[in-house]
């Protein structure tokens, strides 16, 4: 007859991580991720975000003009601030491009009820850091394109 060994003589290896080892891994990962985040190109991200925001607000201004009975204008001031106004001059929206600035070949884009900005193509250049992108509003149609 085979006898089982006494329970105290059986050794079961315990494997796994201790709490201290687990916490050390988390600390190391946190340190590495903070270094990686610092190396990310923040200017490129803010430039893309600012460009999309300006293009979206120009399209919104065009939509307001087409849905209402009055003209609406996209007006830029300074290097980083712009407003959307109705024909009466009331400010509908105002935005600040915090980490970017822009220049334009035209100070005001006014859309009529058909969504047309007139006969001048407007180019807004958005800059952040060493990069820049253009938002072009096509004459007559008002099509807004990011280049």
N, C-alpha and C. Protein backbone atom coordinates (compact mmCIF):
# COMPACT_ATOMS: atom_id res chain seq x y z
N UNK A 1 0.82 -1.17 0.00
CA UNK A 1 0.00 0.00 0.00
C UNK A 1 0.88 1.25 0.00
N UNK A 2 0.49 2.19 -0.83
CA UNK A 2 1.26 3.43 -0.96
C UNK A 2 0.75 4.41 0.06
N UNK A 3 1.67 5.04 0.74
CA UNK A 3 1.30 6.06 1.73
C UNK A 3 1.63 7.45 1.23
N UNK A 4 0.72 8.36 1.45
CA UNK A 4 0.97 9.76 1.10
C UNK A 4 1.91 10.37 2.12
N UNK A 5 2.79 11.26 1.68
CA UNK A 5 3.67 11.90 2.65
C UNK A 5 2.88 12.80 3.57
N UNK A 6 3.44 13.04 4.69
CA UNK A 6 2.80 13.91 5.67
C UNK A 6 2.65 15.30 5.08
N UNK A 7 1.52 16.00 5.34
CA UNK A 7 1.28 17.31 4.73
C UNK A 7 2.38 18.32 5.02
N UNK A 8 3.07 18.21 6.10
CA UNK A 8 4.11 19.18 6.41
C UNK A 8 5.35 18.97 5.56
N UNK A 9 5.49 17.85 4.95
CA UNK A 9 6.68 17.58 4.15
C UNK A 9 6.49 17.95 2.68
N UNK A 10 5.30 18.24 2.26
CA UNK A 10 5.08 18.63 0.86
C UNK A 10 5.42 20.11 0.74
N UNK A 11 6.27 20.42 -0.20
CA UNK A 11 6.59 21.84 -0.42
C UNK A 11 6.01 22.27 -1.76
N UNK A 12 5.18 23.27 -1.72
CA UNK A 12 4.57 23.82 -2.93
C UNK A 12 5.25 25.14 -3.21
N UNK A 13 5.87 25.25 -4.37
CA UNK A 13 6.53 26.52 -4.68
C UNK A 13 5.49 27.63 -4.88
N UNK A 14 5.73 28.75 -4.27
CA UNK A 14 4.83 29.90 -4.39
C UNK A 14 5.44 30.84 -5.44
N UNK A 15 4.67 31.09 -6.46
CA UNK A 15 5.17 31.97 -7.51
C UNK A 15 4.23 33.17 -7.65
N UNK A 16 4.75 34.24 -8.18
CA UNK A 16 3.96 35.46 -8.36
C UNK A 16 4.77 36.66 -7.92
N UNK A 17 4.12 37.80 -7.96
CA UNK A 17 4.77 39.04 -7.58
C UNK A 17 4.33 39.45 -6.18
N UNK A 18 5.25 40.03 -5.48
CA UNK A 18 4.87 40.60 -4.18
C UNK A 18 4.32 41.99 -4.44
N UNK A 19 3.71 42.55 -3.46
CA UNK A 19 3.14 43.89 -3.58
C UNK A 19 4.23 44.91 -3.83
N UNK A 20 5.36 44.77 -3.20
CA UNK A 20 6.48 45.69 -3.40
C UNK A 20 6.96 45.65 -4.86
N UNK A 21 7.09 44.47 -5.43
CA UNK A 21 7.52 44.35 -6.81
C UNK A 21 6.51 44.98 -7.77
N UNK A 22 5.25 44.78 -7.50
CA UNK A 22 4.19 45.36 -8.33
C UNK A 22 4.24 46.88 -8.28
N UNK A 23 4.39 47.45 -7.10
CA UNK A 23 4.45 48.91 -6.95
C UNK A 23 5.68 49.47 -7.66
N UNK A 24 6.79 48.78 -7.60
CA UNK A 24 8.00 49.25 -8.27
C UNK A 24 7.81 49.27 -9.79
N UNK A 25 7.14 48.29 -10.34
CA UNK A 25 6.87 48.27 -11.78
C UNK A 25 5.99 49.45 -12.16
N UNK A 26 4.97 49.75 -11.38
CA UNK A 26 4.08 50.89 -11.65
C UNK A 26 4.87 52.19 -11.60
N UNK A 27 5.76 52.36 -10.62
CA UNK A 27 6.56 53.58 -10.50
C UNK A 27 7.47 53.74 -11.72
N UNK A 28 8.10 52.66 -12.15
CA UNK A 28 8.98 52.73 -13.32
C UNK A 28 8.19 53.09 -14.58
N UNK A 29 7.01 52.49 -14.77
CA UNK A 29 6.17 52.82 -15.93
C UNK A 29 5.72 54.27 -15.90
N UNK A 30 5.38 54.78 -14.74
CA UNK A 30 4.97 56.18 -14.62
C UNK A 30 6.12 57.12 -14.98
N UNK A 31 7.32 56.79 -14.53
CA UNK A 31 8.48 57.63 -14.86
C UNK A 31 8.76 57.61 -16.36
N UNK A 32 8.69 56.45 -16.97
CA UNK A 32 8.92 56.36 -18.41
C UNK A 32 7.85 57.10 -19.21
N UNK A 33 6.61 56.99 -18.80
CA UNK A 33 5.54 57.67 -19.54
C UNK A 33 5.67 59.19 -19.43
N UNK A 34 6.12 59.70 -18.28
CA UNK A 34 6.28 61.15 -18.16
C UNK A 34 7.38 61.66 -19.07
N UNK A 35 8.44 60.88 -19.24
CA UNK A 35 9.52 61.27 -20.15
C UNK A 35 9.03 61.24 -21.59
N UNK A 36 8.26 60.24 -21.95
CA UNK A 36 7.75 60.12 -23.32
C UNK A 36 6.78 61.25 -23.63
N UNK A 37 5.92 61.62 -22.70
CA UNK A 37 4.96 62.69 -22.92
C UNK A 37 5.67 64.02 -23.13
N UNK A 38 6.76 64.25 -22.40
CA UNK A 38 7.51 65.49 -22.58
C UNK A 38 8.14 65.58 -23.96
N UNK A 39 8.46 64.47 -24.56
CA UNK A 39 9.11 64.44 -25.86
C UNK A 39 8.13 64.58 -27.01
N UNK A 40 6.82 64.51 -26.75
CA UNK A 40 5.83 64.60 -27.82
C UNK A 40 5.82 66.01 -28.40
N UNK A 41 5.59 66.13 -29.70
CA UNK A 41 5.59 67.45 -30.33
C UNK A 41 4.31 68.21 -30.02
N UNK A 42 4.33 69.03 -29.00
CA UNK A 42 3.15 69.79 -28.59
C UNK A 42 2.73 70.83 -29.61
N UNK A 43 3.72 71.45 -30.28
CA UNK A 43 3.39 72.47 -31.27
C UNK A 43 2.57 71.89 -32.41
N UNK A 44 2.93 70.70 -32.86
CA UNK A 44 2.20 70.08 -33.97
C UNK A 44 0.77 69.76 -33.55
N UNK A 45 0.60 69.30 -32.32
CA UNK A 45 -0.75 68.98 -31.84
C UNK A 45 -1.59 70.24 -31.71
N UNK A 46 -1.03 71.31 -31.15
CA UNK A 46 -1.80 72.54 -30.99
C UNK A 46 -2.07 73.19 -32.35
N UNK A 47 -1.15 73.05 -33.30
CA UNK A 47 -1.37 73.59 -34.64
C UNK A 47 -2.53 72.88 -35.32
N UNK A 48 -2.56 71.56 -35.26
CA UNK A 48 -3.66 70.81 -35.85
C UNK A 48 -4.99 71.16 -35.20
N UNK A 49 -5.00 71.23 -33.88
CA UNK A 49 -6.24 71.55 -33.16
C UNK A 49 -6.72 72.96 -33.49
N UNK A 50 -5.81 73.92 -33.53
CA UNK A 50 -6.19 75.30 -33.83
C UNK A 50 -6.70 75.42 -35.27
N UNK A 51 -6.06 74.74 -36.19
CA UNK A 51 -6.48 74.79 -37.60
C UNK A 51 -7.87 74.20 -37.77
N UNK A 52 -8.10 73.05 -37.16
CA UNK A 52 -9.43 72.44 -37.25
C UNK A 52 -10.49 73.32 -36.59
N UNK A 53 -10.15 73.97 -35.47
CA UNK A 53 -11.11 74.83 -34.78
C UNK A 53 -11.49 76.03 -35.63
N UNK A 54 -10.50 76.68 -36.25
CA UNK A 54 -10.79 77.84 -37.09
C UNK A 54 -11.65 77.43 -38.29
N UNK A 55 -11.29 76.33 -38.95
CA UNK A 55 -12.07 75.86 -40.11
C UNK A 55 -13.50 75.52 -39.69
N UNK A 56 -13.64 74.88 -38.55
CA UNK A 56 -14.97 74.52 -38.07
C UNK A 56 -15.80 75.77 -37.75
N UNK A 57 -15.18 76.77 -37.15
CA UNK A 57 -15.91 77.99 -36.82
C UNK A 57 -16.29 78.78 -38.07
N UNK A 58 -15.46 78.74 -39.09
CA UNK A 58 -15.82 79.41 -40.36
C UNK A 58 -17.02 78.69 -40.99
N UNK A 59 -17.00 77.37 -40.98
CA UNK A 59 -18.15 76.60 -41.51
C UNK A 59 -19.41 76.86 -40.70
N UNK A 60 -19.25 77.00 -39.38
CA UNK A 60 -20.39 77.30 -38.51
C UNK A 60 -20.96 78.67 -38.86
N UNK A 61 -20.10 79.65 -39.10
CA UNK A 61 -20.56 80.99 -39.49
C UNK A 61 -21.35 80.92 -40.79
N UNK A 62 -20.85 80.14 -41.74
CA UNK A 62 -21.54 79.98 -43.02
C UNK A 62 -22.90 79.32 -42.81
N UNK A 63 -22.95 78.31 -41.95
CA UNK A 63 -24.22 77.62 -41.68
C UNK A 63 -25.23 78.56 -41.01
N UNK A 64 -24.76 79.39 -40.09
CA UNK A 64 -25.66 80.37 -39.45
C UNK A 64 -26.25 81.32 -40.48
N UNK A 65 -25.43 81.79 -41.40
CA UNK A 65 -25.92 82.71 -42.43
C UNK A 65 -26.93 82.03 -43.33
N UNK A 66 -26.69 80.76 -43.68
CA UNK A 66 -27.60 80.06 -44.58
C UNK A 66 -28.91 79.66 -43.89
N UNK A 67 -28.89 79.48 -42.58
CA UNK A 67 -30.10 79.05 -41.89
C UNK A 67 -30.94 80.22 -41.40
N UNK A 68 -30.39 81.41 -41.42
CA UNK A 68 -31.13 82.57 -40.94
C UNK A 68 -31.52 83.50 -42.07
N UNK A 69 -31.93 84.68 -41.68
CA UNK A 69 -32.34 85.66 -42.68
C UNK A 69 -31.39 86.84 -42.73
N UNK A 70 -30.21 86.68 -42.16
CA UNK A 70 -29.26 87.78 -42.19
C UNK A 70 -27.85 87.24 -42.43
N UNK A 71 -26.98 88.15 -42.80
CA UNK A 71 -25.58 87.80 -43.01
C UNK A 71 -24.91 87.56 -41.66
N UNK A 72 -23.88 86.73 -41.66
CA UNK A 72 -23.07 86.50 -40.46
C UNK A 72 -21.61 86.67 -40.85
N UNK A 73 -20.81 87.14 -39.91
CA UNK A 73 -19.42 87.45 -40.21
C UNK A 73 -18.46 86.72 -39.28
N UNK A 74 -17.34 86.33 -39.83
CA UNK A 74 -16.22 85.78 -39.08
C UNK A 74 -15.16 86.87 -39.11
N UNK A 75 -14.85 87.42 -37.94
CA UNK A 75 -13.95 88.56 -37.86
C UNK A 75 -12.76 88.19 -37.00
N UNK A 76 -11.55 88.43 -37.48
CA UNK A 76 -10.40 88.13 -36.64
C UNK A 76 -9.76 89.43 -36.14
N UNK A 77 -9.23 89.37 -34.93
CA UNK A 77 -8.55 90.49 -34.30
C UNK A 77 -7.19 90.02 -33.83
N UNK A 78 -6.30 90.96 -33.65
CA UNK A 78 -4.97 90.66 -33.09
C UNK A 78 -4.34 89.48 -33.80
N UNK A 79 -3.63 88.64 -33.04
CA UNK A 79 -2.97 87.49 -33.63
C UNK A 79 -3.64 86.18 -33.27
N UNK A 80 -4.52 86.19 -32.26
CA UNK A 80 -5.03 84.90 -31.80
C UNK A 80 -6.49 84.92 -31.38
N UNK A 81 -7.22 85.97 -31.67
CA UNK A 81 -8.62 86.08 -31.26
C UNK A 81 -9.51 86.34 -32.47
N UNK A 82 -10.67 85.69 -32.48
CA UNK A 82 -11.64 85.97 -33.53
C UNK A 82 -13.05 85.87 -32.96
N UNK A 83 -14.01 86.50 -33.67
CA UNK A 83 -15.41 86.51 -33.24
C UNK A 83 -16.31 86.13 -34.41
N UNK A 84 -17.49 85.64 -34.05
CA UNK A 84 -18.55 85.41 -35.02
C UNK A 84 -19.68 86.36 -34.63
N UNK A 85 -20.10 87.19 -35.59
CA UNK A 85 -21.15 88.18 -35.32
C UNK A 85 -22.28 88.04 -36.33
N UNK A 86 -23.47 88.44 -35.90
CA UNK A 86 -24.60 88.50 -36.84
C UNK A 86 -24.62 89.88 -37.48
N UNK A 87 -25.59 90.10 -38.36
CA UNK A 87 -25.64 91.36 -39.10
C UNK A 87 -25.87 92.55 -38.18
N UNK A 88 -26.55 92.36 -37.07
CA UNK A 88 -26.80 93.44 -36.13
C UNK A 88 -25.56 93.79 -35.32
N UNK A 89 -24.52 92.97 -35.41
CA UNK A 89 -23.28 93.25 -34.68
C UNK A 89 -23.17 92.54 -33.35
N UNK A 90 -24.16 91.70 -33.02
CA UNK A 90 -24.11 90.96 -31.77
C UNK A 90 -23.10 89.82 -31.89
N UNK A 91 -22.30 89.67 -30.85
CA UNK A 91 -21.31 88.60 -30.85
C UNK A 91 -22.00 87.28 -30.53
N UNK A 92 -21.86 86.31 -31.43
CA UNK A 92 -22.44 84.99 -31.23
C UNK A 92 -21.42 84.07 -30.56
N UNK A 93 -20.17 84.20 -30.96
CA UNK A 93 -19.11 83.37 -30.37
C UNK A 93 -17.79 84.11 -30.46
N UNK A 94 -16.90 83.79 -29.56
CA UNK A 94 -15.56 84.34 -29.57
C UNK A 94 -14.59 83.24 -29.18
N UNK A 95 -13.45 83.19 -29.83
CA UNK A 95 -12.50 82.13 -29.55
C UNK A 95 -11.10 82.69 -29.49
N UNK A 96 -10.28 82.05 -28.68
CA UNK A 96 -8.87 82.40 -28.50
C UNK A 96 -8.02 81.21 -28.90
N UNK A 97 -7.06 81.41 -29.75
CA UNK A 97 -6.12 80.34 -30.10
C UNK A 97 -4.93 80.48 -29.15
N UNK A 98 -5.00 79.78 -28.03
CA UNK A 98 -4.05 80.00 -26.94
C UNK A 98 -2.60 79.76 -27.34
N UNK A 99 -2.29 78.67 -28.00
CA UNK A 99 -0.90 78.35 -28.30
C UNK A 99 -0.57 78.55 -29.77
N UNK A 100 -1.46 79.20 -30.50
CA UNK A 100 -1.23 79.43 -31.92
C UNK A 100 -1.64 80.86 -32.25
N UNK A 101 -1.22 81.33 -33.39
CA UNK A 101 -1.63 82.65 -33.85
C UNK A 101 -1.97 82.54 -35.33
N UNK A 102 -2.68 83.53 -35.85
CA UNK A 102 -2.99 83.47 -37.27
C UNK A 102 -2.95 84.84 -37.91
N UNK A 103 -2.72 84.82 -39.20
CA UNK A 103 -2.75 86.03 -40.02
C UNK A 103 -3.65 85.73 -41.21
N UNK A 104 -4.17 86.77 -41.81
CA UNK A 104 -5.08 86.57 -42.94
C UNK A 104 -4.89 87.69 -43.95
N UNK A 105 -5.30 87.42 -45.18
CA UNK A 105 -5.22 88.45 -46.21
C UNK A 105 -6.50 89.29 -46.23
N UNK A 106 -7.40 89.05 -45.27
CA UNK A 106 -8.68 89.75 -45.23
C UNK A 106 -9.15 89.77 -43.78
N UNK A 107 -9.64 90.87 -43.27
CA UNK A 107 -10.01 90.98 -41.86
C UNK A 107 -11.36 90.41 -41.50
N UNK A 108 -12.31 90.42 -42.42
CA UNK A 108 -13.66 89.96 -42.13
C UNK A 108 -14.15 89.09 -43.28
N UNK A 109 -14.74 87.97 -42.93
CA UNK A 109 -15.39 87.11 -43.93
C UNK A 109 -16.88 87.19 -43.64
N UNK A 110 -17.66 87.76 -44.54
CA UNK A 110 -19.10 87.88 -44.35
C UNK A 110 -19.81 86.96 -45.33
N UNK A 111 -20.61 86.06 -44.78
CA UNK A 111 -21.37 85.12 -45.60
C UNK A 111 -22.79 85.65 -45.77
N UNK A 112 -23.31 85.58 -47.00
CA UNK A 112 -24.70 85.96 -47.23
C UNK A 112 -25.61 84.75 -47.00
N UNK A 113 -26.90 84.90 -47.24
CA UNK A 113 -27.86 83.82 -46.96
C UNK A 113 -27.67 82.60 -47.85
N UNK A 114 -26.93 82.74 -48.94
CA UNK A 114 -26.63 81.59 -49.80
C UNK A 114 -25.32 80.91 -49.40
N UNK A 115 -24.65 81.44 -48.40
CA UNK A 115 -23.39 80.86 -47.93
C UNK A 115 -22.17 81.33 -48.69
N UNK A 116 -22.34 82.35 -49.51
CA UNK A 116 -21.22 82.87 -50.29
C UNK A 116 -20.48 83.95 -49.52
N UNK A 117 -19.14 83.88 -49.51
CA UNK A 117 -18.37 84.93 -48.83
C UNK A 117 -18.02 86.10 -49.74
N UNK A 118 -18.52 86.10 -50.95
CA UNK A 118 -18.20 87.18 -51.88
C UNK A 118 -17.24 86.70 -52.95
N UNK A 119 -16.53 87.66 -53.56
CA UNK A 119 -15.69 87.33 -54.71
C UNK A 119 -14.20 87.26 -54.38
N UNK A 120 -13.85 87.26 -53.10
CA UNK A 120 -12.44 87.20 -52.71
C UNK A 120 -12.16 85.89 -52.00
N UNK A 121 -11.13 85.17 -52.44
CA UNK A 121 -10.68 83.98 -51.73
C UNK A 121 -9.86 84.43 -50.54
N UNK A 122 -10.20 83.92 -49.36
CA UNK A 122 -9.53 84.31 -48.13
C UNK A 122 -8.62 83.18 -47.66
N UNK A 123 -7.39 83.52 -47.31
CA UNK A 123 -6.44 82.54 -46.78
C UNK A 123 -6.02 82.98 -45.39
N UNK A 124 -6.29 82.13 -44.41
CA UNK A 124 -5.83 82.37 -43.04
C UNK A 124 -4.66 81.43 -42.77
N UNK A 125 -3.57 81.95 -42.28
CA UNK A 125 -2.40 81.15 -41.96
C UNK A 125 -2.32 81.01 -40.45
N UNK A 126 -2.41 79.78 -39.96
CA UNK A 126 -2.33 79.51 -38.53
C UNK A 126 -0.92 79.01 -38.24
N UNK A 127 -0.27 79.59 -37.23
CA UNK A 127 1.10 79.24 -36.89
C UNK A 127 1.19 78.81 -35.44
N UNK A 128 2.04 77.82 -35.18
CA UNK A 128 2.36 77.38 -33.83
C UNK A 128 3.77 76.84 -33.86
N UNK A 129 4.64 77.40 -33.04
CA UNK A 129 6.03 76.97 -33.06
C UNK A 129 6.64 77.30 -34.41
N UNK A 130 7.27 76.33 -35.04
CA UNK A 130 7.88 76.56 -36.35
C UNK A 130 7.00 76.10 -37.50
N UNK A 131 5.82 75.55 -37.21
CA UNK A 131 4.94 75.06 -38.26
C UNK A 131 3.81 76.03 -38.58
N UNK A 132 3.21 75.83 -39.73
CA UNK A 132 2.04 76.62 -40.10
C UNK A 132 1.16 75.82 -41.06
N UNK A 133 -0.13 76.15 -41.05
CA UNK A 133 -1.11 75.56 -41.96
C UNK A 133 -2.03 76.67 -42.44
N UNK A 134 -2.65 76.44 -43.58
CA UNK A 134 -3.57 77.42 -44.15
C UNK A 134 -4.99 76.91 -44.12
N UNK A 135 -5.91 77.83 -43.85
CA UNK A 135 -7.34 77.57 -44.02
C UNK A 135 -7.79 78.50 -45.14
N UNK A 136 -8.26 77.91 -46.22
CA UNK A 136 -8.65 78.68 -47.40
C UNK A 136 -10.16 78.66 -47.55
N UNK A 137 -10.76 79.85 -47.65
CA UNK A 137 -12.19 79.99 -47.89
C UNK A 137 -12.34 80.45 -49.34
N UNK A 138 -12.91 79.57 -50.16
CA UNK A 138 -12.99 79.82 -51.59
C UNK A 138 -14.05 80.86 -51.91
N UNK A 139 -13.71 81.73 -52.84
CA UNK A 139 -14.66 82.78 -53.24
C UNK A 139 -15.92 82.17 -53.84
N UNK A 140 -17.00 82.86 -53.75
CA UNK A 140 -18.31 82.49 -54.28
C UNK A 140 -18.94 81.29 -53.60
N UNK A 141 -18.23 80.16 -53.45
CA UNK A 141 -18.85 78.97 -52.87
C UNK A 141 -18.71 78.93 -51.35
N UNK A 142 -17.65 79.50 -50.81
CA UNK A 142 -17.44 79.45 -49.37
C UNK A 142 -16.86 78.14 -48.89
N UNK A 143 -16.42 77.28 -49.81
CA UNK A 143 -15.83 75.99 -49.40
C UNK A 143 -14.58 76.28 -48.56
N UNK A 144 -14.49 75.62 -47.42
CA UNK A 144 -13.38 75.82 -46.48
C UNK A 144 -12.49 74.59 -46.51
N UNK A 145 -11.21 74.80 -46.81
CA UNK A 145 -10.26 73.71 -46.97
C UNK A 145 -9.03 73.98 -46.12
N UNK A 146 -8.52 72.93 -45.46
CA UNK A 146 -7.27 73.04 -44.71
C UNK A 146 -6.14 72.55 -45.61
N UNK A 147 -5.11 73.36 -45.73
CA UNK A 147 -3.95 72.98 -46.56
C UNK A 147 -2.69 72.93 -45.73
